Amino acid sequence: MFYSSNSGEESSTKSKMEVKKKKAEQIVELKKKSQCNYCHEKGHWERECKEKKGDEKEDNTTVMLQKVESTLSAPDL
């Protein structure tokens, strides 16, 4: 009889892919029901929040401007 050496590996890979797909679907459903801890809107989580990313970008720009301003206004020694 002839047995394929890959058959076990292929079924294992398929089952892993199926598990990942099922988990991804569960996460999508969870996101629909839950709300963001940052903006309190449904459909996404804080780490994906566009509002938070925009605010963080503004904060980083402000910090950089403050550093530049303090460097420019520092007295020469």
Protein backbone atom coordinates (compact mmCIF):
# COMPACT_ATOMS: atom_id res chain seq x y z
CA MET A 1 0.00 0.00 0.00
CA PHE A 2 1.06 3.58 -0.64
CA TYR A 3 0.63 6.26 2.01
CA SER A 4 1.31 9.91 1.43
CA SER A 5 3.69 11.38 3.96
CA ASN A 6 2.06 14.82 3.64
CA SER A 7 -1.53 13.82 4.42
CA GLY A 8 -1.14 14.30 8.17
CA GLU A 9 0.64 17.61 7.74
CA GLU A 10 -1.97 18.91 5.29
CA SER A 11 -4.90 18.07 7.53
CA SER A 12 -3.09 19.60 10.50
CA THR A 13 -2.45 22.79 8.51
CA LYS A 14 -6.07 22.92 7.36
CA SER A 15 -7.37 22.51 10.88
CA LYS A 16 -5.05 25.25 12.16
CA MET A 17 -6.26 27.56 9.41
CA GLU A 18 -9.87 26.72 10.23
CA VAL A 19 -9.26 27.50 13.90
CA LYS A 20 -7.66 30.86 13.03
CA LYS A 21 -10.55 31.73 10.71
CA LYS A 22 -13.11 30.82 13.36
CA LYS A 23 -11.30 32.93 15.99
CA ALA A 24 -11.14 35.87 13.57
CA GLU A 25 -14.90 35.58 12.99
CA GLN A 26 -15.49 35.48 16.75
CA ILE A 27 -13.40 38.63 17.21
CA VAL A 28 -15.40 40.44 14.52
CA GLU A 29 -18.62 39.52 16.32
CA LEU A 30 -17.17 40.62 19.67
CA LYS A 31 -16.18 43.99 18.23
CA LYS A 32 -19.72 44.52 16.94
CA LYS A 33 -21.05 44.13 20.49
CA SER A 34 -18.35 45.89 22.49
CA GLN A 35 -17.23 49.50 22.53
CA CYS A 36 -13.91 51.30 22.39
CA ASN A 37 -12.50 52.31 25.77
CA TYR A 38 -11.20 55.56 24.26
CA CYS A 39 -14.03 57.04 22.15
CA HIS A 40 -16.83 54.76 23.42
CA GLU A 41 -18.07 53.91 19.92
CA LYS A 42 -19.02 50.37 18.96
CA GLY A 43 -17.26 48.38 16.28
CA HIS A 44 -13.60 48.66 17.26
CA TRP A 45 -11.27 48.48 20.22
CA GLU A 46 -8.99 51.11 21.74
CA ARG A 47 -5.82 49.87 20.05
CA GLU A 48 -7.55 50.34 16.67
CA CYS A 49 -9.20 53.68 17.49
CA LYS A 50 -8.63 56.27 14.75
CA GLU A 51 -9.55 59.07 17.14
CA LYS A 52 -6.90 57.94 19.64
CA LYS A 53 -4.26 57.61 16.93
CA GLY A 54 -5.10 61.13 15.74
CA ASP A 55 -4.85 62.52 19.27
CA GLU A 56 -1.54 60.75 19.85
CA LYS A 57 -0.17 62.17 16.62
CA GLU A 58 -1.23 65.68 17.69
CA ASP A 59 0.39 65.15 21.11
CA ASN A 60 3.66 64.02 19.50
CA THR A 61 3.65 67.05 17.22
CA THR A 62 3.05 69.36 20.18
CA VAL A 63 5.93 67.82 22.15
CA MET A 64 8.26 68.18 19.16
CA LEU A 65 7.26 71.82 18.71
CA GLN A 66 7.85 72.52 22.39
CA LYS A 67 11.34 70.99 22.17
CA VAL A 68 12.19 73.07 19.11
CA GLU A 69 10.84 76.23 20.73
CA SER A 70 12.78 75.62 23.95
CA THR A 71 15.96 74.99 21.96
CA LEU A 72 15.51 78.18 19.96
CA SER A 73 14.72 80.30 23.01
CA ALA A 74 17.56 78.94 25.17
CA PRO A 75 20.26 81.54 25.86
CA ASP A 76 23.64 80.95 24.26
CA LEU A 77 26.38 80.27 26.77
